[in-house]
Amino acid sequence: MLTIVQCQICNLSFLVFEYNSNSLNCLFQLQATIYQQKALDINERELGLDHPDTMKSYGDLAVFYYRLQHTELALKYVLFLQW
């Protein structure tokens, strides 16, 4: 059940991010990033840091921050993947 919830959170956050890609809807993009962070938190807690799904969550969050032009935060998550 937990993985279904994680997938739904991630899918919803990607849809919100893609649908609201213009600058007027930045609030929706930030909300999508919050959902993605929640999915990462769940993965870390339930699956561990070295699980492939957790690594994917780090990559997804890096993409979210990069697309919001928060390069420093995006690099933080990319560098974690290299660890």
PDB file of N, CA and C in Angstrom:
ATOM      1  N   MET A   1       0.814  -1.203   0.000  1.00  0.00           N
ATOM      2  CA  MET A   1       0.000   0.000   0.000  1.00  0.00           C
ATOM      3  C   MET A   1       0.852   1.258   0.000  1.00  0.00           C
ATOM      4  N   LEU A   2       1.946   1.235   0.704  1.00  0.00           N
ATOM      5  CA  LEU A   2       2.793   2.417   0.802  1.00  0.00           C
ATOM      6  C   LEU A   2       3.378   2.813  -0.543  1.00  0.00           C
ATOM      7  N   THR A   3       3.817   1.852  -1.334  1.00  0.00           N
ATOM      8  CA  THR A   3       4.395   2.194  -2.625  1.00  0.00           C
ATOM      9  C   THR A   3       3.348   2.751  -3.579  1.00  0.00           C
ATOM     10  N   ILE A   4       2.110   2.317  -3.479  1.00  0.00           N
ATOM     11  CA  ILE A   4       1.051   2.883  -4.319  1.00  0.00           C
ATOM     12  C   ILE A   4       0.853   4.352  -3.972  1.00  0.00           C
ATOM     13  N   VAL A   5       0.851   4.663  -2.696  1.00  0.00           N
ATOM     14  CA  VAL A   5       0.710   6.060  -2.267  1.00  0.00           C
ATOM     15  C   VAL A   5       1.882   6.887  -2.775  1.00  0.00           C
ATOM     16  N   GLN A   6       3.095   6.352  -2.674  1.00  0.00           N
ATOM     17  CA  GLN A   6       4.264   7.075  -3.156  1.00  0.00           C
ATOM     18  C   GLN A   6       4.146   7.359  -4.640  1.00  0.00           C
ATOM     19  N   CYS A   7       3.745   6.371  -5.408  1.00  0.00           N
ATOM     20  CA  CYS A   7       3.608   6.548  -6.853  1.00  0.00           C
ATOM     21  C   CYS A   7       2.553   7.593  -7.175  1.00  0.00           C
ATOM     22  N   GLN A   8       1.450   7.574  -6.441  1.00  0.00           N
ATOM     23  CA  GLN A   8       0.398   8.553  -6.684  1.00  0.00           C
ATOM     24  C   GLN A   8       0.871   9.964  -6.358  1.00  0.00           C
ATOM     25  N   ILE A   9       1.601  10.124  -5.275  1.00  0.00           N
ATOM     26  CA  ILE A   9       2.129  11.442  -4.922  1.00  0.00           C
ATOM     27  C   ILE A   9       3.073  11.936  -6.016  1.00  0.00           C
ATOM     28  N   CYS A  10       3.976  11.083  -6.470  1.00  0.00           N
ATOM     29  CA  CYS A  10       4.933  11.481  -7.499  1.00  0.00           C
ATOM     30  C   CYS A  10       4.242  11.794  -8.810  1.00  0.00           C
ATOM     31  N   ASN A  11       3.314  10.949  -9.222  1.00  0.00           N
ATOM     32  CA  ASN A  11       2.609  11.187 -10.478  1.00  0.00           C
ATOM     33  C   ASN A  11       1.812  12.475 -10.431  1.00  0.00           C
ATOM     34  N   LEU A  12       1.134  12.721  -9.327  1.00  0.00           N
ATOM     35  CA  LEU A  12       0.375  13.952  -9.173  1.00  0.00           C
ATOM     36  C   LEU A  12       1.289  15.159  -9.219  1.00  0.00           C
ATOM     37  N   SER A  13       2.421  15.072  -8.548  1.00  0.00           N
ATOM     38  CA  SER A  13       3.321  16.222  -8.521  1.00  0.00           C
ATOM     39  C   SER A  13       3.882  16.506  -9.907  1.00  0.00           C
ATOM     40  N   PHE A  14       4.209  15.467 -10.687  1.00  0.00           N
ATOM     41  CA  PHE A  14       4.682  15.697 -12.050  1.00  0.00           C
ATOM     42  C   PHE A  14       3.594  16.317 -12.915  1.00  0.00           C
ATOM     43  N   LEU A  15       2.352  15.834 -12.777  1.00  0.00           N
ATOM     44  CA  LEU A  15       1.259  16.397 -13.560  1.00  0.00           C
ATOM     45  C   LEU A  15       1.026  17.860 -13.225  1.00  0.00           C
ATOM     46  N   VAL A  16       1.030  18.184 -11.941  1.00  0.00           N
ATOM     47  CA  VAL A  16       0.847  19.576 -11.540  1.00  0.00           C
ATOM     48  C   VAL A  16       1.976  20.429 -12.091  1.00  0.00           C
ATOM     49  N   PHE A  17       3.189  19.919 -12.022  1.00  0.00           N
ATOM     50  CA  PHE A  17       4.339  20.679 -12.499  1.00  0.00           C
ATOM     51  C   PHE A  17       4.256  20.911 -14.002  1.00  0.00           C
ATOM     52  N   GLU A  18       3.935  19.883 -14.772  1.00  0.00           N
ATOM     53  CA  GLU A  18       3.875  20.005 -16.223  1.00  0.00           C
ATOM     54  C   GLU A  18       2.716  20.887 -16.654  1.00  0.00           C
ATOM     55  N   TYR A  19       1.574  20.727 -16.036  1.00  0.00           N
ATOM     56  CA  TYR A  19       0.385  21.474 -16.434  1.00  0.00           C
ATOM     57  C   TYR A  19       0.535  22.957 -16.142  1.00  0.00           C
ATOM     58  N   ASN A  20       1.202  23.288 -15.078  1.00  0.00           N
ATOM     59  CA  ASN A  20       1.350  24.677 -14.652  1.00  0.00           C
ATOM     60  C   ASN A  20       2.767  25.157 -14.882  1.00  0.00           C
ATOM     61  N   SER A  21       3.223  25.101 -16.117  1.00  0.00           N
ATOM     62  CA  SER A  21       4.619  25.387 -16.387  1.00  0.00           C
ATOM     63  C   SER A  21       4.915  26.869 -16.610  1.00  0.00           C
ATOM     64  N   ASN A  22       3.913  27.734 -16.683  1.00  0.00           N
ATOM     65  CA  ASN A  22       4.227  29.149 -16.868  1.00  0.00           C
ATOM     66  C   ASN A  22       4.474  29.829 -15.529  1.00  0.00           C
ATOM     67  N   SER A  23       5.051  31.007 -15.597  1.00  0.00           N
ATOM     68  CA  SER A  23       5.493  31.686 -14.376  1.00  0.00           C
ATOM     69  C   SER A  23       4.338  32.128 -13.483  1.00  0.00           C
ATOM     70  N   LEU A  24       3.134  32.272 -14.026  1.00  0.00           N
ATOM     71  CA  LEU A  24       1.990  32.678 -13.215  1.00  0.00           C
ATOM     72  C   LEU A  24       1.566  31.586 -12.245  1.00  0.00           C
ATOM     73  N   ASN A  25       1.952  30.383 -12.509  1.00  0.00           N
ATOM     74  CA  ASN A  25       1.530  29.271 -11.667  1.00  0.00           C
ATOM     75  C   ASN A  25       2.683  28.704 -10.847  1.00  0.00           C
ATOM     76  N   CYS A  26       3.610  29.548 -10.468  1.00  0.00           N
ATOM     77  CA  CYS A  26       4.771  29.111  -9.687  1.00  0.00           C
ATOM     78  C   CYS A  26       4.343  28.490  -8.356  1.00  0.00           C
ATOM     79  N   LEU A  27       3.256  28.962  -7.793  1.00  0.00           N
ATOM     80  CA  LEU A  27       2.769  28.412  -6.530  1.00  0.00           C
ATOM     81  C   LEU A  27       2.425  26.934  -6.677  1.00  0.00           C
ATOM     82  N   PHE A  28       1.803  26.566  -7.803  1.00  0.00           N
ATOM     83  CA  PHE A  28       1.486  25.164  -8.040  1.00  0.00           C
ATOM     84  C   PHE A  28       2.748  24.336  -8.208  1.00  0.00           C
ATOM     85  N   GLN A  29       3.753  24.915  -8.840  1.00  0.00           N
ATOM     86  CA  GLN A  29       5.021  24.212  -9.011  1.00  0.00           C
ATOM     87  C   GLN A  29       5.693  23.980  -7.666  1.00  0.00           C
ATOM     88  N   LEU A  30       5.646  24.964  -6.806  1.00  0.00           N
ATOM     89  CA  LEU A  30       6.222  24.795  -5.471  1.00  0.00           C
ATOM     90  C   LEU A  30       5.465  23.733  -4.682  1.00  0.00           C
ATOM     91  N   GLN A  31       4.135  23.689  -4.836  1.00  0.00           N
ATOM     92  CA  GLN A  31       3.343  22.665  -4.157  1.00  0.00           C
ATOM     93  C   GLN A  31       3.721  21.282  -4.680  1.00  0.00           C
ATOM     94  N   ALA A  32       3.941  21.160  -5.980  1.00  0.00           N
ATOM     95  CA  ALA A  32       4.356  19.882  -6.555  1.00  0.00           C
ATOM     96  C   ALA A  32       5.704  19.462  -5.988  1.00  0.00           C
ATOM     97  N   THR A  33       6.595  20.415  -5.776  1.00  0.00           N
ATOM     98  CA  THR A  33       7.898  20.114  -5.204  1.00  0.00           C
ATOM     99  C   THR A  33       7.757  19.624  -3.768  1.00  0.00           C
ATOM    100  N   ILE A  34       6.821  20.200  -3.040  1.00  0.00           N
ATOM    101  CA  ILE A  34       6.566  19.743  -1.670  1.00  0.00           C
ATOM    102  C   ILE A  34       6.093  18.294  -1.680  1.00  0.00           C
ATOM    103  N   TYR A  35       5.211  17.945  -2.609  1.00  0.00           N
ATOM    104  CA  TYR A  35       4.758  16.554  -2.713  1.00  0.00           C
ATOM    105  C   TYR A  35       5.914  15.624  -3.053  1.00  0.00           C
ATOM    106  N   GLN A  36       6.788  16.088  -3.932  1.00  0.00           N
ATOM    107  CA  GLN A  36       7.938  15.265  -4.297  1.00  0.00           C
ATOM    108  C   GLN A  36       8.864  15.071  -3.093  1.00  0.00           C
ATOM    109  N   GLN A  37       9.035  16.113  -2.283  1.00  0.00           N
ATOM    110  CA  GLN A  37       9.852  16.007  -1.071  1.00  0.00           C
ATOM    111  C   GLN A  37       9.232  15.019  -0.097  1.00  0.00           C
ATOM    112  N   LYS A  38       7.903  15.022   0.005  1.00  0.00           N
ATOM    113  CA  LYS A  38       7.228  14.068   0.884  1.00  0.00           C
ATOM    114  C   LYS A  38       7.471  12.635   0.412  1.00  0.00           C
ATOM    115  N   ALA A  39       7.431  12.426  -0.900  1.00  0.00           N
ATOM    116  CA  ALA A  39       7.693  11.094  -1.440  1.00  0.00           C
ATOM    117  C   ALA A  39       9.124  10.663  -1.118  1.00  0.00           C
ATOM    118  N   LEU A  40      10.074  11.592  -1.222  1.00  0.00           N
ATOM    119  CA  LEU A  40      11.464  11.289  -0.881  1.00  0.00           C
ATOM    120  C   LEU A  40      11.581  10.923   0.597  1.00  0.00           C
ATOM    121  N   ASP A  41      10.919  11.685   1.450  1.00  0.00           N
ATOM    122  CA  ASP A  41      10.959  11.397   2.891  1.00  0.00           C
ATOM    123  C   ASP A  41      10.414  10.001   3.195  1.00  0.00           C
ATOM    124  N   ILE A  42       9.315   9.643   2.537  1.00  0.00           N
ATOM    125  CA  ILE A  42       8.732   8.312   2.741  1.00  0.00           C
ATOM    126  C   ILE A  42       9.701   7.236   2.274  1.00  0.00           C
ATOM    127  N   ASN A  43      10.293   7.434   1.093  1.00  0.00           N
ATOM    128  CA  ASN A  43      11.244   6.453   0.566  1.00  0.00           C
ATOM    129  C   ASN A  43      12.442   6.278   1.493  1.00  0.00           C
ATOM    130  N   GLU A  44      12.988   7.386   1.981  1.00  0.00           N
ATOM    131  CA  GLU A  44      14.139   7.295   2.883  1.00  0.00           C
ATOM    132  C   GLU A  44      13.778   6.514   4.146  1.00  0.00           C
ATOM    133  N   ARG A  45      12.630   6.834   4.705  1.00  0.00           N
ATOM    134  CA  ARG A  45      12.218   6.209   5.961  1.00  0.00           C
ATOM    135  C   ARG A  45      11.876   4.729   5.777  1.00  0.00           C
ATOM    136  N   GLU A  46      11.145   4.404   4.730  1.00  0.00           N
ATOM    137  CA  GLU A  46      10.632   3.042   4.569  1.00  0.00           C
ATOM    138  C   GLU A  46      11.557   2.119   3.788  1.00  0.00           C
ATOM    139  N   LEU A  47      12.332   2.672   2.851  1.00  0.00           N
ATOM    140  CA  LEU A  47      13.143   1.828   1.973  1.00  0.00           C
ATOM    141  C   LEU A  47      14.635   1.927   2.238  1.00  0.00           C
ATOM    142  N   GLY A  48      15.061   3.043   2.827  1.00  0.00           N
ATOM    143  CA  GLY A  48      16.484   3.245   3.080  1.00  0.00           C
ATOM    144  C   GLY A  48      17.125   4.133   2.024  1.00  0.00           C
ATOM    145  N   LEU A  49      18.304   4.622   2.367  1.00  0.00           N
ATOM    146  CA  LEU A  49      18.996   5.579   1.486  1.00  0.00           C
ATOM    147  C   LEU A  49      19.540   4.954   0.218  1.00  0.00           C
ATOM    148  N   ASP A  50      19.871   3.675   0.258  1.00  0.00           N
ATOM    149  CA  ASP A  50      20.515   3.070  -0.905  1.00  0.00           C
ATOM    150  C   ASP A  50      19.549   2.281  -1.793  1.00  0.00           C
ATOM    151  N   HIS A  51      18.250   2.443  -1.597  1.00  0.00           N
ATOM    152  CA  HIS A  51      17.257   1.759  -2.427  1.00  0.00           C
ATOM    153  C   HIS A  51      17.085   2.517  -3.751  1.00  0.00           C
ATOM    154  N   PRO A  52      16.906   1.810  -4.865  1.00  0.00           N
ATOM    155  CA  PRO A  52      16.754   2.473  -6.171  1.00  0.00           C
ATOM    156  C   PRO A  52      15.596   3.474  -6.229  1.00  0.00           C
ATOM    157  N   ASP A  53      14.491   3.190  -5.565  1.00  0.00           N
ATOM    158  CA  ASP A  53      13.369   4.128  -5.570  1.00  0.00           C
ATOM    159  C   ASP A  53      13.721   5.421  -4.837  1.00  0.00           C
ATOM    160  N   THR A  54      14.513   5.300  -3.786  1.00  0.00           N
ATOM    161  CA  THR A  54      14.958   6.496  -3.063  1.00  0.00           C
ATOM    162  C   THR A  54      15.891   7.321  -3.940  1.00  0.00           C
ATOM    163  N   MET A  55      16.777   6.655  -4.645  1.00  0.00           N
ATOM    164  CA  MET A  55      17.684   7.361  -5.556  1.00  0.00           C
ATOM    165  C   MET A  55      16.903   8.075  -6.660  1.00  0.00           C
ATOM    166  N   LYS A  56      15.856   7.429  -7.161  1.00  0.00           N
ATOM    167  CA  LYS A  56      15.023   8.054  -8.190  1.00  0.00           C
ATOM    168  C   LYS A  56      14.336   9.288  -7.631  1.00  0.00           C
ATOM    169  N   SER A  57      13.891   9.209  -6.387  1.00  0.00           N
ATOM    170  CA  SER A  57      13.253  10.369  -5.763  1.00  0.00           C
ATOM    171  C   SER A  57      14.217  11.545  -5.658  1.00  0.00           C
ATOM    172  N   TYR A  58      15.493  11.255  -5.346  1.00  0.00           N
ATOM    173  CA  TYR A  58      16.491  12.323  -5.311  1.00  0.00           C
ATOM    174  C   TYR A  58      16.650  12.953  -6.685  1.00  0.00           C
ATOM    175  N   GLY A  59      16.710  12.123  -7.719  1.00  0.00           N
ATOM    176  CA  GLY A  59      16.837  12.643  -9.081  1.00  0.00           C
ATOM    177  C   GLY A  59      15.624  13.456  -9.495  1.00  0.00           C
ATOM    178  N   ASP A  60      14.434  12.973  -9.147  1.00  0.00           N
ATOM    179  CA  ASP A  60      13.205  13.700  -9.477  1.00  0.00           C
ATOM    180  C   ASP A  60      13.184  15.062  -8.806  1.00  0.00           C
ATOM    181  N   LEU A  61      13.583  15.101  -7.555  1.00  0.00           N
ATOM    182  CA  LEU A  61      13.589  16.370  -6.825  1.00  0.00           C
ATOM    183  C   LEU A  61      14.622  17.328  -7.413  1.00  0.00           C
ATOM    184  N   ALA A  62      15.743  16.813  -7.855  1.00  0.00           N
ATOM    185  CA  ALA A  62      16.750  17.654  -8.511  1.00  0.00           C
ATOM    186  C   ALA A  62      16.171  18.286  -9.771  1.00  0.00           C
ATOM    187  N   VAL A  63      15.416  17.524 -10.537  1.00  0.00           N
ATOM    188  CA  VAL A  63      14.785  18.052 -11.757  1.00  0.00           C
ATOM    189  C   VAL A  63      13.771  19.132 -11.400  1.00  0.00           C
ATOM    190  N   PHE A  64      12.964  18.893 -10.374  1.00  0.00           N
ATOM    191  CA  PHE A  64      11.993  19.895  -9.961  1.00  0.00           C
ATOM    192  C   PHE A  64      12.683  21.213  -9.629  1.00  0.00           C
ATOM    193  N   TYR A  65      13.718  21.151  -8.787  1.00  0.00           N
ATOM    194  CA  TYR A  65      14.399  22.384  -8.387  1.00  0.00           C
ATOM    195  C   TYR A  65      15.105  23.044  -9.566  1.00  0.00           C
ATOM    196  N   TYR A  66      15.662  22.266 -10.452  1.00  0.00           N
ATOM    197  CA  TYR A  66      16.314  22.832 -11.636  1.00  0.00           C
ATOM    198  C   TYR A  66      15.302  23.580 -12.502  1.00  0.00           C
ATOM    199  N   ARG A  67      14.133  22.983 -12.693  1.00  0.00           N
ATOM    200  CA  ARG A  67      13.115  23.621 -13.523  1.00  0.00           C
ATOM    201  C   ARG A  67      12.521  24.861 -12.867  1.00  0.00           C
ATOM    202  N   LEU A  68      12.610  24.936 -11.540  1.00  0.00           N
ATOM    203  CA  LEU A  68      12.194  26.147 -10.827  1.00  0.00           C
ATOM    204  C   LEU A  68      13.323  27.165 -10.756  1.00  0.00           C
ATOM    205  N   GLN A  69      14.440  26.849 -11.400  1.00  0.00           N
ATOM    206  CA  GLN A  69      15.633  27.697 -11.450  1.00  0.00           C
ATOM    207  C   GLN A  69      16.279  27.874 -10.072  1.00  0.00           C
ATOM    208  N   HIS A  70      16.176  26.843  -9.257  1.00  0.00           N
ATOM    209  CA  HIS A  70      16.867  26.785  -7.967  1.00  0.00           C
ATOM    210  C   HIS A  70      18.060  25.839  -8.141  1.00  0.00           C
ATOM    211  N   THR A  71      19.062  26.332  -8.841  1.00  0.00           N
ATOM    212  CA  THR A  71      20.189  25.496  -9.244  1.00  0.00           C
ATOM    213  C   THR A  71      20.955  24.934  -8.057  1.00  0.00           C
ATOM    214  N   GLU A  72      21.157  25.726  -7.033  1.00  0.00           N
ATOM    215  CA  GLU A  72      21.911  25.260  -5.866  1.00  0.00           C
ATOM    216  C   GLU A  72      21.215  24.073  -5.195  1.00  0.00           C
ATOM    217  N   LEU A  73      19.909  24.164  -5.048  1.00  0.00           N
ATOM    218  CA  LEU A  73      19.175  23.044  -4.450  1.00  0.00           C
ATOM    219  C   LEU A  73      19.202  21.825  -5.359  1.00  0.00           C
ATOM    220  N   ALA A  74      19.084  22.047  -6.666  1.00  0.00           N
ATOM    221  CA  ALA A  74      19.142  20.932  -7.610  1.00  0.00           C
ATOM    222  C   ALA A  74      20.490  20.227  -7.509  1.00  0.00           C
ATOM    223  N   LEU A  75      21.566  20.984  -7.427  1.00  0.00           N
ATOM    224  CA  LEU A  75      22.901  20.395  -7.318  1.00  0.00           C
ATOM    225  C   LEU A  75      23.067  19.610  -6.019  1.00  0.00           C
ATOM    226  N   LYS A  76      22.433  20.080  -4.964  1.00  0.00           N
ATOM    227  CA  LYS A  76      22.495  19.372  -3.678  1.00  0.00           C
ATOM    228  C   LYS A  76      21.985  17.935  -3.827  1.00  0.00           C
ATOM    229  N   TYR A  77      20.880  17.786  -4.525  1.00  0.00           N
ATOM    230  CA  TYR A  77      20.305  16.452  -4.696  1.00  0.00           C
ATOM    231  C   TYR A  77      21.077  15.621  -5.718  1.00  0.00           C
ATOM    232  N   VAL A  78      21.630  16.265  -6.721  1.00  0.00           N
ATOM    233  CA  VAL A  78      22.457  15.542  -7.698  1.00  0.00           C
ATOM    234  C   VAL A  78      23.726  15.036  -7.021  1.00  0.00           C
ATOM    235  N   LEU A  79      24.343  15.884  -6.204  1.00  0.00           N
ATOM    236  CA  LEU A  79      25.572  15.464  -5.516  1.00  0.00           C
ATOM    237  C   LEU A  79      25.301  14.329  -4.542  1.00  0.00           C
ATOM    238  N   PHE A  80      24.121  14.298  -3.943  1.00  0.00           N
ATOM    239  CA  PHE A  80      23.788  13.178  -3.068  1.00  0.00           C
ATOM    240  C   PHE A  80      23.756  11.875  -3.862  1.00  0.00           C
ATOM    241  N   LEU A  81      23.278  11.939  -5.106  1.00  0.00           N
ATOM    242  CA  LEU A  81      23.222  10.739  -5.942  1.00  0.00           C
ATOM    243  C   LEU A  81      24.616  10.203  -6.242  1.00  0.00           C
ATOM    244  N   GLN A  82      25.608  11.073  -6.299  1.00  0.00           N
ATOM    245  CA  GLN A  82      26.964  10.661  -6.606  1.00  0.00           C
ATOM    246  C   GLN A  82      27.662  10.065  -5.391  1.00  0.00           C
ATOM    247  N   TRP A  83      27.105  10.293  -4.216  1.00  0.00           N
ATOM    248  CA  TRP A  83      27.671   9.812  -2.969  1.00  0.00           C
ATOM    249  C   TRP A  83      27.571   8.354  -2.941  1.00  0.00           C
TER     250      TRP A  83
END
